[in-house]
Amino acid sequence: MVSIKTYTGPVTLCRSCGQPSFTDEVIGHQHFNEQWDGVFCPHFPLAGERIDMDWDDMSLDQMRAEYPDTYPHQSFAAGPRA
C-alpha cells in the first residue's frame, strides 16, 4: 500500500467515508497505508467514488504531517520481546 506521508500525486477524498484517498492507474481508487485499522469504509482498502479536492500546498502538507498512522508496524510473529 501507499503512504500518505510520501505520496506525491493528487490526494482526493473517499465519498463513502470522507477520508483521504488516491487513484492508482492499475488498482483504482484506494485508501492509504496509514488508514489500515482506522478507516471504517465499506470499500476498504479500495475507496468509494472520489471527490477531487483543490488543496493549497500548506493544507495538504499539514494534513500529511498530522494524519494518524494506524497500520500495525510491529510484527508479532517473532514472539514477545526479551
Protein backbone atom coordinates (compact mmCIF):
# COMPACT_ATOMS: atom_id res chain seq x y z
CA MET A 1 0.00 0.00 0.00
CA VAL A 2 0.99 3.64 -0.39
CA SER A 3 1.85 6.05 2.44
CA ILE A 4 0.04 9.39 2.67
CA LYS A 5 3.27 10.83 4.10
CA THR A 6 5.27 10.20 0.91
CA TYR A 7 2.64 10.10 -1.86
CA THR A 8 3.26 12.90 -4.35
CA GLY A 9 0.23 12.55 -6.62
CA PRO A 10 -3.21 14.13 -6.26
CA VAL A 11 -4.93 13.43 -2.93
CA THR A 12 -8.69 13.08 -3.17
CA LEU A 13 -11.39 12.16 -0.66
CA CYS A 14 -13.46 8.99 -0.50
CA ARG A 15 -17.14 9.85 -0.91
CA SER A 16 -18.13 6.89 1.31
CA CYS A 17 -16.10 7.81 4.41
CA GLY A 18 -14.64 11.28 3.79
CA GLN A 19 -11.04 10.14 4.35
CA PRO A 20 -8.09 10.96 2.08
CA SER A 21 -7.61 8.66 -0.90
CA PHE A 22 -5.76 8.41 -4.20
CA THR A 23 -6.14 6.77 -7.57
CA ASP A 24 -3.69 4.20 -8.89
CA GLU A 25 -3.82 3.54 -12.65
CA VAL A 26 -3.76 -0.24 -12.13
CA ILE A 27 -5.73 -0.81 -8.91
CA GLY A 28 -8.02 2.22 -8.97
CA HIS A 29 -9.27 4.49 -6.20
CA GLN A 30 -7.99 3.40 -2.77
CA HIS A 31 -7.09 4.39 0.77
CA PHE A 32 -3.61 4.98 2.18
CA ASN A 33 -1.49 2.57 4.24
CA GLU A 34 -1.89 4.67 7.42
CA GLN A 35 -5.65 4.06 7.35
CA TRP A 36 -5.24 0.29 7.73
CA ASP A 37 -7.08 -0.08 11.04
CA GLY A 38 -8.67 3.34 11.46
CA VAL A 39 -10.98 3.77 8.48
CA PHE A 40 -14.40 2.18 8.56
CA CYS A 41 -15.25 2.30 4.87
CA PRO A 42 -17.37 -0.39 3.20
CA HIS A 43 -14.91 -0.37 0.26
CA PHE A 44 -11.64 -0.55 2.25
CA PRO A 45 -8.83 -0.95 1.17
CA LEU A 46 -10.36 0.40 -2.01
CA ALA A 47 -12.29 3.65 -1.75
CA GLY A 48 -15.74 4.73 -2.88
CA GLU A 49 -16.31 7.39 -5.51
CA ARG A 50 -13.65 10.05 -5.39
CA ILE A 51 -14.11 13.69 -4.53
CA ASP A 52 -11.47 15.85 -6.19
CA MET A 53 -10.00 18.48 -3.86
CA ASP A 54 -8.37 21.79 -4.68
CA TRP A 55 -5.85 21.63 -1.80
CA ASP A 56 -3.49 24.50 -1.20
CA ASP A 57 0.04 23.20 -0.63
CA MET A 58 0.15 24.26 3.03
CA SER A 59 -3.11 22.48 3.90
CA LEU A 60 -2.06 19.28 2.15
CA ASP A 61 1.37 19.31 3.81
CA GLN A 62 -0.22 19.83 7.24
CA MET A 63 -2.75 17.03 6.68
CA ARG A 64 0.03 14.66 5.60
CA ALA A 65 2.19 15.52 8.60
CA GLU A 66 -0.62 15.15 11.15
CA TYR A 67 -2.53 12.18 9.71
CA PRO A 68 -2.62 9.36 12.29
CA ASP A 69 -0.96 6.08 11.36
CA THR A 70 -2.99 3.01 12.38
CA TYR A 71 -1.01 0.45 10.38
CA PRO A 72 0.44 -2.34 12.59
CA HIS A 73 4.17 -1.80 12.03
CA GLN A 74 5.36 -4.24 14.72
CA SER A 75 5.44 -7.88 13.78
CA PHE A 76 4.05 -10.16 16.47
CA ALA A 77 5.10 -13.30 14.60
CA ALA A 78 8.57 -13.16 16.19
CA GLY A 79 7.12 -13.57 19.66
CA PRO A 80 7.46 -11.35 22.72
CA ARG A 81 10.40 -9.03 23.16
CA ALA A 82 13.10 -10.09 25.56
